[in-house]
Amino acid sequence: CSRDRGKAVRLLLQAPWVGITRDAAVARAADNQLSGTISHIARGADQCEVLMALPDGQTLCATIPTADAATLKEGDDVIAWFNADRVIIATLC
């Protein structure tokens, strides 16, 4: 595989590696932050799956502890955060 300039890549993140917060100070502690709006929350006993709509129309999924999602609701503007060592970069050769 070569590293051709202009080649399309995909960034992959596993949902448990993504945090969701409304607190910009919390998000700033991570390497990467993405702003968006919560589009759906599936609440479980221990974990919640949070879907976040990004400004470009893509959807980001995070799995966070139920306690962390207690004050979140659909339509909230939030910040997703994650560290660089959690990003998988994929491309077709």
N, C-alpha and C. Protein backbone atom coordinates (compact mmCIF):
# COMPACT_ATOMS: atom_id res chain seq x y z
N CYS A 1 0.85 -1.17 0.00
CA CYS A 1 0.00 0.00 0.00
C CYS A 1 0.90 1.24 0.00
N SER A 2 0.62 2.17 -0.84
CA SER A 2 1.39 3.41 -0.84
C SER A 2 0.60 4.49 -0.13
N ARG A 3 1.26 5.56 0.21
CA ARG A 3 0.61 6.70 0.87
C ARG A 3 0.42 7.81 -0.15
N ASP A 4 -0.41 7.55 -1.13
CA ASP A 4 -0.65 8.52 -2.20
C ASP A 4 -1.41 9.72 -1.67
N ARG A 5 -0.92 10.89 -2.01
CA ARG A 5 -1.59 12.14 -1.64
C ARG A 5 -2.97 12.18 -2.30
N GLY A 6 -3.96 12.62 -1.55
CA GLY A 6 -5.31 12.73 -2.08
C GLY A 6 -6.13 11.46 -1.98
N LYS A 7 -5.55 10.38 -1.47
CA LYS A 7 -6.26 9.12 -1.34
C LYS A 7 -7.28 9.21 -0.21
N ALA A 8 -8.46 8.68 -0.43
CA ALA A 8 -9.51 8.70 0.59
C ALA A 8 -9.16 7.76 1.73
N VAL A 9 -9.41 8.21 2.94
CA VAL A 9 -9.20 7.38 4.12
C VAL A 9 -10.46 7.43 4.98
N ARG A 10 -10.58 6.47 5.86
CA ARG A 10 -11.66 6.44 6.85
C ARG A 10 -11.02 6.40 8.22
N LEU A 11 -11.61 7.15 9.13
CA LEU A 11 -11.19 7.11 10.52
C LEU A 11 -12.20 6.26 11.27
N LEU A 12 -11.71 5.27 11.97
CA LEU A 12 -12.58 4.35 12.69
C LEU A 12 -12.34 4.49 14.19
N LEU A 13 -13.43 4.51 14.93
CA LEU A 13 -13.38 4.57 16.39
C LEU A 13 -14.37 3.56 16.94
N GLN A 14 -13.99 2.86 17.97
CA GLN A 14 -14.95 2.00 18.64
C GLN A 14 -15.75 2.86 19.60
N ALA A 15 -17.05 2.61 19.68
CA ALA A 15 -17.95 3.44 20.49
C ALA A 15 -17.50 3.62 21.94
N PRO A 16 -16.95 2.60 22.61
CA PRO A 16 -16.52 2.80 24.00
C PRO A 16 -15.32 3.75 24.15
N TRP A 17 -14.64 4.05 23.05
CA TRP A 17 -13.48 4.94 23.11
C TRP A 17 -13.86 6.41 23.00
N VAL A 18 -15.15 6.69 22.77
CA VAL A 18 -15.64 8.05 22.57
C VAL A 18 -16.40 8.51 23.81
N GLY A 19 -16.05 9.69 24.33
CA GLY A 19 -16.79 10.29 25.42
C GLY A 19 -17.71 11.37 24.88
N ILE A 20 -18.77 11.66 25.62
CA ILE A 20 -19.73 12.70 25.24
C ILE A 20 -19.89 13.63 26.44
N THR A 21 -19.82 14.93 26.20
CA THR A 21 -19.99 15.90 27.28
C THR A 21 -20.55 17.21 26.75
N ARG A 22 -21.14 17.99 27.65
CA ARG A 22 -21.51 19.37 27.32
C ARG A 22 -20.45 20.33 27.83
N ASP A 23 -19.50 19.82 28.60
CA ASP A 23 -18.47 20.63 29.26
C ASP A 23 -17.22 20.72 28.37
N ALA A 24 -16.98 21.88 27.80
CA ALA A 24 -15.83 22.07 26.90
C ALA A 24 -14.51 21.80 27.61
N ALA A 25 -14.43 22.08 28.90
CA ALA A 25 -13.19 21.84 29.65
C ALA A 25 -12.87 20.35 29.72
N VAL A 26 -13.88 19.53 29.87
CA VAL A 26 -13.68 18.07 29.88
C VAL A 26 -13.18 17.61 28.52
N ALA A 27 -13.81 18.09 27.46
CA ALA A 27 -13.44 17.68 26.10
C ALA A 27 -12.03 18.14 25.74
N ARG A 28 -11.63 19.32 26.21
CA ARG A 28 -10.30 19.85 25.86
C ARG A 28 -9.16 18.99 26.40
N ALA A 29 -9.42 18.17 27.40
CA ALA A 29 -8.38 17.30 27.94
C ALA A 29 -8.00 16.19 26.96
N ALA A 30 -8.84 15.94 25.96
CA ALA A 30 -8.57 14.90 24.97
C ALA A 30 -7.88 15.50 23.75
N ASP A 31 -7.28 14.63 22.94
CA ASP A 31 -6.59 15.07 21.72
C ASP A 31 -7.55 15.59 20.65
N ASN A 32 -8.76 15.05 20.59
CA ASN A 32 -9.70 15.38 19.52
C ASN A 32 -11.09 15.67 20.08
N GLN A 33 -11.75 16.66 19.48
CA GLN A 33 -13.10 17.02 19.87
C GLN A 33 -13.94 17.25 18.61
N LEU A 34 -15.19 16.81 18.65
CA LEU A 34 -16.13 17.03 17.56
C LEU A 34 -17.44 17.52 18.16
N SER A 35 -17.95 18.63 17.66
CA SER A 35 -19.23 19.16 18.15
C SER A 35 -20.37 18.58 17.34
N GLY A 36 -21.50 18.40 17.98
CA GLY A 36 -22.68 17.89 17.30
C GLY A 36 -23.89 17.93 18.19
N THR A 37 -24.94 17.26 17.75
CA THR A 37 -26.22 17.24 18.45
C THR A 37 -26.65 15.80 18.67
N ILE A 38 -27.10 15.49 19.88
CA ILE A 38 -27.57 14.14 20.16
C ILE A 38 -28.84 13.87 19.36
N SER A 39 -28.80 12.80 18.57
CA SER A 39 -29.97 12.44 17.76
C SER A 39 -30.75 11.28 18.36
N HIS A 40 -30.09 10.47 19.21
CA HIS A 40 -30.77 9.32 19.81
C HIS A 40 -29.97 8.83 21.01
N ILE A 41 -30.67 8.38 22.03
CA ILE A 41 -30.03 7.73 23.18
C ILE A 41 -30.78 6.44 23.46
N ALA A 42 -30.07 5.32 23.46
CA ALA A 42 -30.63 4.02 23.85
C ALA A 42 -30.08 3.73 25.25
N ARG A 43 -30.94 3.84 26.25
CA ARG A 43 -30.51 3.70 27.64
C ARG A 43 -30.58 2.25 28.08
N GLY A 44 -29.48 1.78 28.67
CA GLY A 44 -29.41 0.45 29.23
C GLY A 44 -29.17 0.53 30.72
N ALA A 45 -29.11 -0.61 31.37
CA ALA A 45 -28.91 -0.64 32.81
C ALA A 45 -27.54 -0.07 33.20
N ASP A 46 -26.51 -0.43 32.46
CA ASP A 46 -25.15 0.01 32.79
C ASP A 46 -24.55 0.97 31.77
N GLN A 47 -24.93 0.81 30.49
CA GLN A 47 -24.36 1.61 29.41
C GLN A 47 -25.47 2.22 28.56
N CYS A 48 -25.16 3.35 27.94
CA CYS A 48 -26.07 3.98 26.99
C CYS A 48 -25.35 4.12 25.66
N GLU A 49 -26.07 3.88 24.59
CA GLU A 49 -25.56 4.16 23.25
C GLU A 49 -26.09 5.53 22.84
N VAL A 50 -25.16 6.44 22.57
CA VAL A 50 -25.53 7.81 22.21
C VAL A 50 -25.14 8.04 20.76
N LEU A 51 -26.12 8.42 19.92
CA LEU A 51 -25.84 8.78 18.54
C LEU A 51 -25.81 10.29 18.45
N MET A 52 -24.78 10.79 17.79
CA MET A 52 -24.57 12.23 17.69
C MET A 52 -24.48 12.61 16.22
N ALA A 53 -25.29 13.57 15.79
CA ALA A 53 -25.26 14.06 14.41
C ALA A 53 -24.18 15.13 14.31
N LEU A 54 -23.23 14.93 13.39
CA LEU A 54 -22.17 15.91 13.15
C LEU A 54 -22.66 16.93 12.13
N PRO A 55 -22.07 18.13 12.11
CA PRO A 55 -22.51 19.17 11.18
C PRO A 55 -22.50 18.76 9.71
N ASP A 56 -21.61 17.83 9.33
CA ASP A 56 -21.53 17.41 7.92
C ASP A 56 -22.52 16.29 7.57
N GLY A 57 -23.37 15.92 8.53
CA GLY A 57 -24.37 14.90 8.28
C GLY A 57 -23.99 13.50 8.72
N GLN A 58 -22.74 13.28 9.08
CA GLN A 58 -22.32 11.96 9.55
C GLN A 58 -22.82 11.74 10.97
N THR A 59 -22.87 10.48 11.36
CA THR A 59 -23.30 10.12 12.71
C THR A 59 -22.14 9.48 13.45
N LEU A 60 -21.96 9.89 14.70
CA LEU A 60 -20.94 9.32 15.57
C LEU A 60 -21.65 8.58 16.69
N CYS A 61 -21.17 7.40 17.02
CA CYS A 61 -21.77 6.58 18.07
C CYS A 61 -20.81 6.49 19.24
N ALA A 62 -21.33 6.70 20.44
CA ALA A 62 -20.54 6.55 21.66
C ALA A 62 -21.30 5.64 22.62
N THR A 63 -20.57 4.83 23.35
CA THR A 63 -21.15 4.03 24.42
C THR A 63 -20.57 4.56 25.72
N ILE A 64 -21.45 5.11 26.57
CA ILE A 64 -20.99 5.73 27.81
C ILE A 64 -21.76 5.15 28.99
N PRO A 65 -21.18 5.25 30.20
CA PRO A 65 -21.90 4.76 31.37
C PRO A 65 -23.25 5.48 31.54
N THR A 66 -24.24 4.74 31.98
CA THR A 66 -25.58 5.31 32.17
C THR A 66 -25.54 6.53 33.08
N ALA A 67 -24.72 6.49 34.11
CA ALA A 67 -24.62 7.64 35.03
C ALA A 67 -24.14 8.89 34.30
N ASP A 68 -23.23 8.74 33.32
CA ASP A 68 -22.72 9.88 32.56
C ASP A 68 -23.77 10.45 31.61
N ALA A 69 -24.74 9.62 31.24
CA ALA A 69 -25.77 10.05 30.29
C ALA A 69 -27.04 10.54 30.98
N ALA A 70 -27.06 10.51 32.30
CA ALA A 70 -28.28 10.82 33.05
C ALA A 70 -28.87 12.19 32.70
N THR A 71 -28.02 13.18 32.46
CA THR A 71 -28.52 14.54 32.19
C THR A 71 -28.59 14.86 30.70
N LEU A 72 -28.24 13.90 29.85
CA LEU A 72 -28.26 14.13 28.41
C LEU A 72 -29.63 13.78 27.83
N LYS A 73 -30.02 14.52 26.77
CA LYS A 73 -31.27 14.21 26.09
C LYS A 73 -31.12 14.49 24.60
N GLU A 74 -31.99 13.90 23.81
CA GLU A 74 -31.99 14.15 22.37
C GLU A 74 -32.17 15.63 22.11
N GLY A 75 -31.39 16.15 21.15
CA GLY A 75 -31.43 17.56 20.81
C GLY A 75 -30.37 18.39 21.52
N ASP A 76 -29.70 17.82 22.53
CA ASP A 76 -28.63 18.54 23.23
C ASP A 76 -27.44 18.75 22.31
N ASP A 77 -26.86 19.94 22.36
CA ASP A 77 -25.58 20.20 21.69
C ASP A 77 -24.49 19.70 22.62
N VAL A 78 -23.62 18.84 22.10
CA VAL A 78 -22.59 18.20 22.92
C VAL A 78 -21.26 18.18 22.18
N ILE A 79 -20.24 17.71 22.88
CA ILE A 79 -18.91 17.55 22.31
C ILE A 79 -18.49 16.10 22.51
N ALA A 80 -18.12 15.43 21.44
CA ALA A 80 -17.53 14.10 21.53
C ALA A 80 -16.03 14.28 21.63
N TRP A 81 -15.40 13.46 22.45
CA TRP A 81 -13.95 13.58 22.61
C TRP A 81 -13.31 12.19 22.62
N PHE A 82 -12.08 12.15 22.11
CA PHE A 82 -11.33 10.90 22.07
C PHE A 82 -9.86 11.22 21.86
N ASN A 83 -9.01 10.30 22.26
CA ASN A 83 -7.57 10.50 22.11
C ASN A 83 -7.06 9.89 20.80
N ALA A 84 -5.98 10.46 20.32
CA ALA A 84 -5.41 10.07 19.02
C ALA A 84 -5.03 8.59 18.96
N ASP A 85 -4.60 8.02 20.08
CA ASP A 85 -4.18 6.62 20.05
C ASP A 85 -5.36 5.65 19.89
N ARG A 86 -6.57 6.16 19.90
CA ARG A 86 -7.76 5.33 19.72
C ARG A 86 -8.28 5.34 18.28
N VAL A 87 -7.70 6.16 17.42
CA VAL A 87 -8.16 6.30 16.04
C VAL A 87 -7.48 5.27 15.15
N ILE A 88 -8.27 4.56 14.38
CA ILE A 88 -7.76 3.61 13.39
C ILE A 88 -7.95 4.26 12.02
N ILE A 89 -6.87 4.39 11.27
CA ILE A 89 -6.95 4.99 9.93
C ILE A 89 -6.94 3.86 8.91
N ALA A 90 -7.98 3.84 8.08
CA ALA A 90 -8.11 2.77 7.08
C ALA A 90 -8.19 3.36 5.69
N THR A 91 -7.58 2.66 4.74
CA THR A 91 -7.64 3.05 3.33
C THR A 91 -7.66 1.79 2.48
N LEU A 92 -8.18 1.90 1.29
CA LEU A 92 -8.14 0.77 0.36
C LEU A 92 -6.85 0.87 -0.44
N CYS A 93 -6.17 -0.23 -0.58
CA CYS A 93 -4.90 -0.25 -1.32
C CYS A 93 -5.13 -0.38 -2.80
